[in-house]
Structures are given as structure tokens and as C-alpha cells.
C-alpha atoms as a PDB file:
ATOM      1  CA  UNK A   1       0.001  -0.059  -0.007  1.00  0.00           C
ATOM      2  CA  UNK A   2       1.109   3.541  -0.665  1.00  0.00           C
ATOM      3  CA  UNK A   3       0.947   6.525   1.663  1.00  0.00           C
ATOM      4  CA  UNK A   4      -0.769   9.392  -0.130  1.00  0.00           C
ATOM      5  CA  UNK A   5       1.164  12.250   1.392  1.00  0.00           C
ATOM      6  CA  UNK A   6       4.487  10.873   0.293  1.00  0.00           C
ATOM      7  CA  UNK A   7       4.213  10.622  -3.537  1.00  0.00           C
ATOM      8  CA  UNK A   8       6.488  12.854  -5.616  1.00  0.00           C
ATOM      9  CA  UNK A   9       5.870  13.508  -9.334  1.00  0.00           C
ATOM     10  CA  UNK A  10       8.358  11.137 -10.850  1.00  0.00           C
ATOM     11  CA  UNK A  11       7.047   8.348  -8.594  1.00  0.00           C
ATOM     12  CA  UNK A  12       3.439   9.113  -9.534  1.00  0.00           C
ATOM     13  CA  UNK A  13       4.085   8.914 -13.173  1.00  0.00           C
ATOM     14  CA  UNK A  14       5.100   5.283 -12.614  1.00  0.00           C
ATOM     15  CA  UNK A  15       1.571   4.457 -11.352  1.00  0.00           C
ATOM     16  CA  UNK A  16      -0.447   5.819 -14.200  1.00  0.00           C
ATOM     17  CA  UNK A  17      -0.299   2.650 -16.377  1.00  0.00           C
ATOM     18  CA  UNK A  18      -0.891   0.337 -13.552  1.00  0.00           C
ATOM     19  CA  UNK A  19      -4.175  -1.007 -12.022  1.00  0.00           C
ATOM     20  CA  UNK A  20      -4.777   0.951  -8.916  1.00  0.00           C
ATOM     21  CA  UNK A  21      -7.461   1.851  -6.285  1.00  0.00           C
ATOM     22  CA  UNK A  22      -7.973   4.749  -3.801  1.00  0.00           C
ATOM     23  CA  UNK A  23      -9.064   3.366  -0.493  1.00  0.00           C
ATOM     24  CA  UNK A  24     -11.416   5.610   1.584  1.00  0.00           C
ATOM     25  CA  UNK A  25     -12.697   4.809   5.021  1.00  0.00           C
ATOM     26  CA  UNK A  26     -16.475   4.876   5.159  1.00  0.00           C
ATOM     27  CA  UNK A  27     -17.553   7.144   7.987  1.00  0.00           C
ATOM     28  CA  UNK A  28     -21.219   7.414   8.897  1.00  0.00           C
ATOM     29  CA  UNK A  29     -23.255   9.991  10.789  1.00  0.00           C
ATOM     30  CA  UNK A  30     -26.505   9.212  12.530  1.00  0.00           C
ATOM     31  CA  UNK A  31     -29.539  11.487  12.569  1.00  0.00           C
ATOM     32  CA  UNK A  32     -29.072  12.107  16.221  1.00  0.00           C
ATOM     33  CA  UNK A  33     -25.326  12.690  16.195  1.00  0.00           C
ATOM     34  CA  UNK A  34     -23.966  15.680  18.303  1.00  0.00           C
ATOM     35  CA  UNK A  35     -23.371  18.752  16.322  1.00  0.00           C
ATOM     36  CA  UNK A  36     -19.522  18.589  16.986  1.00  0.00           C
ATOM     37  CA  UNK A  37     -19.505  15.135  15.325  1.00  0.00           C
ATOM     38  CA  UNK A  38     -21.573  16.367  12.390  1.00  0.00           C
ATOM     39  CA  UNK A  39     -18.926  19.159  11.839  1.00  0.00           C
ATOM     40  CA  UNK A  40     -16.103  16.486  11.901  1.00  0.00           C
ATOM     41  CA  UNK A  41     -18.175  14.423   9.560  1.00  0.00           C
ATOM     42  CA  UNK A  42     -18.699  17.167   7.056  1.00  0.00           C
ATOM     43  CA  UNK A  43     -14.966  18.274   7.170  1.00  0.00           C
ATOM     44  CA  UNK A  44     -13.914  14.683   6.780  1.00  0.00           C
ATOM     45  CA  UNK A  45     -15.745  14.293   3.426  1.00  0.00           C
ATOM     46  CA  UNK A  46     -14.640  17.746   2.288  1.00  0.00           C
ATOM     47  CA  UNK A  47     -11.070  16.543   2.834  1.00  0.00           C
ATOM     48  CA  UNK A  48     -11.742  13.322   0.975  1.00  0.00           C
ATOM     49  CA  UNK A  49     -12.868  15.208  -2.039  1.00  0.00           C
ATOM     50  CA  UNK A  50      -9.732  17.396  -1.908  1.00  0.00           C
ATOM     51  CA  UNK A  51      -7.346  14.388  -1.478  1.00  0.00           C
ATOM     52  CA  UNK A  52      -8.965  12.562  -4.345  1.00  0.00           C
ATOM     53  CA  UNK A  53      -8.715  15.597  -6.567  1.00  0.00           C
ATOM     54  CA  UNK A  54      -5.048  15.755  -5.844  1.00  0.00           C
ATOM     55  CA  UNK A  55      -4.504  12.092  -6.370  1.00  0.00           C
ATOM     56  CA  UNK A  56      -6.351  12.206  -9.678  1.00  0.00           C
ATOM     57  CA  UNK A  57      -4.090  14.971 -10.997  1.00  0.00           C
ATOM     58  CA  UNK A  58      -1.062  13.069  -9.903  1.00  0.00           C
ATOM     59  CA  UNK A  59      -1.888   9.429 -10.639  1.00  0.00           C
ATOM     60  CA  UNK A  60      -5.117   9.044 -12.493  1.00  0.00           C
ATOM     61  CA  UNK A  61      -8.751   9.908 -12.833  1.00  0.00           C
ATOM     62  CA  UNK A  62     -11.300   7.583 -11.171  1.00  0.00           C
ATOM     63  CA  UNK A  63     -12.845   5.176 -13.742  1.00  0.00           C
ATOM     64  CA  UNK A  64     -14.865   2.923 -11.372  1.00  0.00           C
ATOM     65  CA  UNK A  65     -16.432   3.356  -7.981  1.00  0.00           C
ATOM     66  CA  UNK A  66     -17.037   0.639  -5.458  1.00  0.00           C
ATOM     67  CA  UNK A  67     -19.030   1.210  -2.245  1.00  0.00           C
ATOM     68  CA  UNK A  68     -19.640  -1.086   0.605  1.00  0.00           C
ATOM     69  CA  UNK A  69     -23.236  -2.330   1.019  1.00  0.00           C
ATOM     70  CA  UNK A  70     -24.109  -1.698  -2.699  1.00  0.00           C
ATOM     71  CA  UNK A  71     -25.081  -4.692  -4.559  1.00  0.00           C
ATOM     72  CA  UNK A  72     -26.511  -3.059  -7.689  1.00  0.00           C
ATOM     73  CA  UNK A  73     -24.987  -0.708 -10.206  1.00  0.00           C
ATOM     74  CA  UNK A  74     -25.815   2.573 -12.133  1.00  0.00           C
ATOM     75  CA  UNK A  75     -28.237   5.202 -11.194  1.00  0.00           C
ATOM     76  CA  UNK A  76     -30.222   2.998  -8.876  1.00  0.00           C
ATOM     77  CA  UNK A  77     -27.095   2.329  -6.908  1.00  0.00           C
ATOM     78  CA  UNK A  78     -26.389   6.117  -6.559  1.00  0.00           C
ATOM     79  CA  UNK A  79     -29.836   6.430  -5.075  1.00  0.00           C
ATOM     80  CA  UNK A  80     -29.040   3.747  -2.502  1.00  0.00           C
ATOM     81  CA  UNK A  81     -25.779   5.518  -1.500  1.00  0.00           C
ATOM     82  CA  UNK A  82     -27.656   8.765  -1.182  1.00  0.00           C
ATOM     83  CA  UNK A  83     -30.006   7.213   1.329  1.00  0.00           C
ATOM     84  CA  UNK A  84     -27.326   5.456   3.093  1.00  0.00           C
ATOM     85  CA  UNK A  85     -24.605   8.182   3.578  1.00  0.00           C
ATOM     86  CA  UNK A  86     -24.709  11.764   2.606  1.00  0.00           C
ATOM     87  CA  UNK A  87     -20.996  12.212   2.903  1.00  0.00           C
ATOM     88  CA  UNK A  88     -19.984   9.350   0.770  1.00  0.00           C
ATOM     89  CA  UNK A  89     -22.792  10.168  -1.647  1.00  0.00           C
ATOM     90  CA  UNK A  90     -21.198  13.430  -2.404  1.00  0.00           C
ATOM     91  CA  UNK A  91     -17.918  11.816  -3.321  1.00  0.00           C
ATOM     92  CA  UNK A  92     -19.652   9.126  -5.392  1.00  0.00           C
ATOM     93  CA  UNK A  93     -21.807  11.556  -7.305  1.00  0.00           C
ATOM     94  CA  UNK A  94     -18.887  13.898  -7.968  1.00  0.00           C
ATOM     95  CA  UNK A  95     -16.910  11.023  -9.633  1.00  0.00           C
ATOM     96  CA  UNK A  96     -19.950   9.622 -11.506  1.00  0.00           C
ATOM     97  CA  UNK A  97     -20.707  13.136 -12.794  1.00  0.00           C
ATOM     98  CA  UNK A  98     -17.072  13.197 -14.239  1.00  0.00           C
ATOM     99  CA  UNK A  99     -17.791   9.851 -15.975  1.00  0.00           C
ATOM    100  CA  UNK A 100     -16.890   7.181 -13.504  1.00  0.00           C
ATOM    101  CA  UNK A 101     -18.988   3.945 -13.323  1.00  0.00           C
ATOM    102  CA  UNK A 102     -20.588   2.934 -10.024  1.00  0.00           C
ATOM    103  CA  UNK A 103     -20.204  -0.871  -9.828  1.00  0.00           C
ATOM    104  CA  UNK A 104     -22.247  -3.375  -7.963  1.00  0.00           C
ATOM    105  CA  UNK A 105     -19.742  -4.199  -5.239  1.00  0.00           C
ATOM    106  CA  UNK A 106     -21.319  -6.796  -2.917  1.00  0.00           C
ATOM    107  CA  UNK A 107     -22.922 -10.098  -3.376  1.00  0.00           C
ATOM    108  CA  UNK A 108     -26.367  -9.348  -1.815  1.00  0.00           C
ATOM    109  CA  UNK A 109     -27.092 -12.680  -0.257  1.00  0.00           C
ATOM    110  CA  UNK A 110     -23.617 -13.082   1.230  1.00  0.00           C
ATOM    111  CA  UNK A 111     -23.612  -9.587   2.473  1.00  0.00           C
ATOM    112  CA  UNK A 112     -27.067  -9.993   4.210  1.00  0.00           C
ATOM    113  CA  UNK A 113     -25.985 -13.303   5.763  1.00  0.00           C
ATOM    114  CA  UNK A 114     -22.802 -11.673   7.135  1.00  0.00           C
ATOM    115  CA  UNK A 115     -24.813  -8.799   8.657  1.00  0.00           C
ATOM    116  CA  UNK A 116     -27.308 -11.145  10.181  1.00  0.00           C
ATOM    117  CA  UNK A 117     -24.812 -13.077  11.995  1.00  0.00           C
ATOM    118  CA  UNK A 118     -23.379  -9.754  13.174  1.00  0.00           C
ATOM    119  CA  UNK A 119     -26.665  -8.737  14.517  1.00  0.00           C
ATOM    120  CA  UNK A 120     -26.798 -12.127  16.489  1.00  0.00           C
ATOM    121  CA  UNK A 121     -23.655 -11.034  18.266  1.00  0.00           C
ATOM    122  CA  UNK A 122     -25.078  -7.526  19.089  1.00  0.00           C
ATOM    123  CA  UNK A 123     -28.207  -8.989  20.840  1.00  0.00           C
ATOM    124  CA  UNK A 124     -26.072 -10.850  23.271  1.00  0.00           C
ATOM    125  CA  UNK A 125     -25.802 -14.664  23.604  1.00  0.00           C
ATOM    126  CA  UNK A 126     -26.034 -16.512  26.938  1.00  0.00           C
ATOM    127  CA  UNK A 127     -24.377 -19.822  26.161  1.00  0.00           C
ATOM    128  CA  UNK A 128     -20.719 -20.407  25.125  1.00  0.00           C
ATOM    129  CA  UNK A 129     -21.887 -23.003  22.574  1.00  0.00           C
ATOM    130  CA  UNK A 130     -24.155 -20.443  20.945  1.00  0.00           C
ATOM    131  CA  UNK A 131     -21.545 -17.957  20.696  1.00  0.00           C
ATOM    132  CA  UNK A 132     -19.143 -20.437  19.121  1.00  0.00           C
ATOM    133  CA  UNK A 133     -21.608 -21.359  16.426  1.00  0.00           C
ATOM    134  CA  UNK A 134     -22.416 -17.814  15.765  1.00  0.00           C
ATOM    135  CA  UNK A 135     -18.734 -16.797  15.574  1.00  0.00           C
ATOM    136  CA  UNK A 136     -18.012 -19.745  13.205  1.00  0.00           C
ATOM    137  CA  UNK A 137     -20.843 -18.805  10.740  1.00  0.00           C
ATOM    138  CA  UNK A 138     -20.027 -15.071  11.026  1.00  0.00           C
ATOM    139  CA  UNK A 139     -16.457 -15.531  10.246  1.00  0.00           C
ATOM    140  CA  UNK A 140     -17.225 -17.873   7.307  1.00  0.00           C
ATOM    141  CA  UNK A 141     -19.835 -15.410   5.780  1.00  0.00           C
ATOM    142  CA  UNK A 142     -17.559 -12.402   6.403  1.00  0.00           C
ATOM    143  CA  UNK A 143     -14.623 -14.038   4.733  1.00  0.00           C
ATOM    144  CA  UNK A 144     -16.651 -14.819   1.723  1.00  0.00           C
ATOM    145  CA  UNK A 145     -18.019 -11.330   1.619  1.00  0.00           C
ATOM    146  CA  UNK A 146     -14.641  -9.808   1.449  1.00  0.00           C
ATOM    147  CA  UNK A 147     -13.420 -12.149  -1.083  1.00  0.00           C
ATOM    148  CA  UNK A 148     -16.271 -11.411  -3.276  1.00  0.00           C
ATOM    149  CA  UNK A 149     -15.568  -7.719  -3.041  1.00  0.00           C
ATOM    150  CA  UNK A 150     -11.943  -8.269  -3.910  1.00  0.00           C
ATOM    151  CA  UNK A 151     -12.915 -10.492  -6.882  1.00  0.00           C
ATOM    152  CA  UNK A 152     -15.454  -7.897  -8.138  1.00  0.00           C
ATOM    153  CA  UNK A 153     -12.674  -5.357  -8.214  1.00  0.00           C
ATOM    154  CA  UNK A 154     -10.286  -7.704  -9.935  1.00  0.00           C
ATOM    155  CA  UNK A 155     -12.794  -8.639 -12.482  1.00  0.00           C
ATOM    156  CA  UNK A 156     -14.133  -5.132 -13.465  1.00  0.00           C
ATOM    157  CA  UNK A 157     -11.073  -2.843 -12.951  1.00  0.00           C
ATOM    158  CA  UNK A 158      -8.926  -2.966 -16.049  1.00  0.00           C
ATOM    159  CA  UNK A 159      -5.249  -2.494 -16.480  1.00  0.00           C
ATOM    160  CA  UNK A 160      -4.355   1.237 -16.365  1.00  0.00           C
ATOM    161  CA  UNK A 161      -7.688   2.165 -14.735  1.00  0.00           C
ATOM    162  CA  UNK A 162      -8.195   3.740 -11.352  1.00  0.00           C
ATOM    163  CA  UNK A 163     -10.843   2.541  -8.843  1.00  0.00           C
ATOM    164  CA  UNK A 164     -12.211   4.184  -5.752  1.00  0.00           C
ATOM    165  CA  UNK A 165     -13.405   1.911  -2.923  1.00  0.00           C
ATOM    166  CA  UNK A 166     -15.361   3.252   0.124  1.00  0.00           C
ATOM    167  CA  UNK A 167     -15.406   0.719   2.823  1.00  0.00           C
ATOM    168  CA  UNK A 168     -15.353   0.456   6.662  1.00  0.00           C
ATOM    169  CA  UNK A 169     -11.951   0.857   8.328  1.00  0.00           C
ATOM    170  CA  UNK A 170     -12.051  -2.665   9.759  1.00  0.00           C
ATOM    171  CA  UNK A 171     -12.414  -4.450   6.490  1.00  0.00           C
ATOM    172  CA  UNK A 172     -10.485  -7.643   5.742  1.00  0.00           C
ATOM    173  CA  UNK A 173     -10.028  -7.500   2.030  1.00  0.00           C
ATOM    174  CA  UNK A 174      -6.831  -9.095   0.723  1.00  0.00           C
ATOM    175  CA  UNK A 175      -6.000  -7.179  -2.550  1.00  0.00           C
ATOM    176  CA  UNK A 176      -4.217  -9.038  -5.396  1.00  0.00           C
ATOM    177  CA  UNK A 177      -0.553  -8.209  -5.787  1.00  0.00           C
ATOM    178  CA  UNK A 178      -1.019  -6.545  -9.266  1.00  0.00           C
ATOM    179  CA  UNK A 179      -3.297  -3.857  -7.708  1.00  0.00           C
ATOM    180  CA  UNK A 180      -1.639  -0.667  -6.358  1.00  0.00           C
ATOM    181  CA  UNK A 181      -3.580   0.450  -3.233  1.00  0.00           C
ATOM    182  CA  UNK A 182      -3.567   4.122  -2.040  1.00  0.00           C
ATOM    183  CA  UNK A 183      -4.880   4.723   1.436  1.00  0.00           C
ATOM    184  CA  UNK A 184      -6.695   8.032   1.719  1.00  0.00           C
ATOM    185  CA  UNK A 185      -6.586   8.893   5.396  1.00  0.00           C
ATOM    186  CA  UNK A 186      -6.997  12.785   5.976  1.00  0.00           C
ATOM    187  CA  UNK A 187      -6.140  14.343   9.393  1.00  0.00           C
ATOM    188  CA  UNK A 188      -9.888  14.731   9.982  1.00  0.00           C
ATOM    189  CA  UNK A 189     -10.154  10.921  10.331  1.00  0.00           C
ATOM    190  CA  UNK A 190      -8.015  11.127  13.654  1.00  0.00           C
ATOM    191  CA  UNK A 191     -10.287  14.013  14.805  1.00  0.00           C
ATOM    192  CA  UNK A 192     -13.293  11.648  14.396  1.00  0.00           C
ATOM    193  CA  UNK A 193     -11.517   8.838  16.265  1.00  0.00           C
ATOM    194  CA  UNK A 194     -10.537  11.096  19.099  1.00  0.00           C
ATOM    195  CA  UNK A 195     -14.163  12.543  19.352  1.00  0.00           C
ATOM    196  CA  UNK A 196     -15.599   9.036  19.519  1.00  0.00           C
ATOM    197  CA  UNK A 197     -13.178   7.905  22.112  1.00  0.00           C
ATOM    198  CA  UNK A 198     -13.919  10.909  24.292  1.00  0.00           C
ATOM    199  CA  UNK A 199     -17.695  10.526  23.847  1.00  0.00           C
ATOM    200  CA  UNK A 200     -17.463   6.887  24.898  1.00  0.00           C
ATOM    201  CA  UNK A 201     -15.418   7.868  27.999  1.00  0.00           C
ATOM    202  CA  UNK A 202     -18.076  10.466  28.946  1.00  0.00           C
ATOM    203  CA  UNK A 203     -20.906   7.959  28.430  1.00  0.00           C
ATOM    204  CA  UNK A 204     -19.140   5.497  30.650  1.00  0.00           C
ATOM    205  CA  UNK A 205     -18.511   8.028  33.463  1.00  0.00           C
ATOM    206  CA  UNK A 206     -22.179   9.023  33.345  1.00  0.00           C
ATOM    207  CA  UNK A 207     -23.325   5.445  33.469  1.00  0.00           C
ATOM    208  CA  UNK A 208     -21.094   4.801  36.440  1.00  0.00           C
ATOM    209  CA  UNK A 209     -22.186   7.904  38.212  1.00  0.00           C
ATOM    210  CA  UNK A 210     -25.868   7.451  37.640  1.00  0.00           C
ATOM    211  CA  UNK A 211     -26.365   4.513  40.181  1.00  0.00           C
ATOM    212  CA  UNK A 212     -24.445   6.425  42.863  1.00  0.00           C
ATOM    213  CA  UNK A 213     -26.636   9.495  42.438  1.00  0.00           C
ATOM    214  CA  UNK A 214     -29.834   7.296  42.532  1.00  0.00           C
ATOM    215  CA  UNK A 215     -28.546   5.558  45.763  1.00  0.00           C
ATOM    216  CA  UNK A 216     -27.848   8.916  47.451  1.00  0.00           C
ATOM    217  CA  UNK A 217     -31.161  10.178  46.372  1.00  0.00           C
ATOM    218  CA  UNK A 218     -32.976   7.250  47.817  1.00  0.00           C
ATOM    219  CA  UNK A 219     -31.216   7.733  51.131  1.00  0.00           C
ATOM    220  CA  UNK A 220     -32.659  11.193  51.358  1.00  0.00           C
END
């Protein structure tokens, strides 16, 4: 993988004829997110657009776009992205308006199976045996899911073309050796990580203090 901030012009020219992909962490923002987080979220996607513009000038214009959770292609897929994530939608629409093709990235049935097993974990399981079973099937489905995404990129991205993949940070995709991968990690990503860590600490403190306050209130 290549660090985006450390590419000089001669080196960049060497990538133009190769098959390559810009890898962008997919960051979400819920409807009830704090305003500070919303500001970080918007700044993050502004930076992504700027970083990609710089990369395209140096290395190559985006020809194909791949987006996690998208299992269809074309205009209908763009509508799905818009419903899913306004930040990534801005990026995808910008590239499609410039002629890029939005590809079907996921195998729908495999993706849904992986997400269903993940939901099983989230509800909480009491027995060790149940956790073992769910873990085994989740790992199997998730491995297949990421293999399918890698295969989709390999099959559709042609030699000399440039792809853009928007996907969660914790992905487990193993890219083929003939594909140059450029990680796009703007400083705003660290700000989002820091905000989430601080917010979780505050939430934990509030949860720990609440029983104590309720106990003291009962004593009164």
C-alpha cells in the first residue's frame, strides 16, 4: 500500500499505467449525532474530495467506484448511496458526474448473511456453545463477503484504470498483488476517532455515576 502524502511527481508517473485503487474509510453520521461530530463528519468528506482531486491529478482519474453495502450498479445504486450516507454520496456523485462507473460491489445474499450473523452478536448470547456457532458462521460469511468484493474489483477494474473503494476501516479485504492500493486517510479521520473515544469515556462516566446518584437520592 502507498502513503498518499509521500508521492512525488516522478513516482506518481510510474503508477499511471498500473491497475490502482484509492481506498477511503467509510464514515457514517446518525440523525441524532452531536453537532460537533456532524462538523467533523462534514469536514472529513470535504477533505476526501480534496485528497482525491489531488490524487487524480497526480496518478489517474477515477474510472470505477465501489461502495460497501451496494449490490446493484448505475443510477439506482447512486440512489441507494444517497439514502445510506450523505458524505460518501457527495464523493460518489462527484466521480460519476465526471464519467466514473458505479459498480455493484457486494454479493447481496452473502452480505445479508454476514450482517445477520453480526446482529446475532449484538443482541447478546448467553451460552458459550451459541457464541461459538455464531462466531464460526459469522467468520465464514464475512470471509466470503470480502473475497467477493476483492474478486469484483479484480474482474471489473482494467489494466491502467483507477478505482475508488469506500469501505469500513475494519475491512479484511486481501487485494491482489497486481493492484496498487492508495490509502486516503486525511487528518480529519483522527479527529473523528478522538471525538468517538472521548464521547465513549463520557458515556461510561455518566453510567457509572448514575447508580451512585440514585442511591444517594434514595437515602434522602
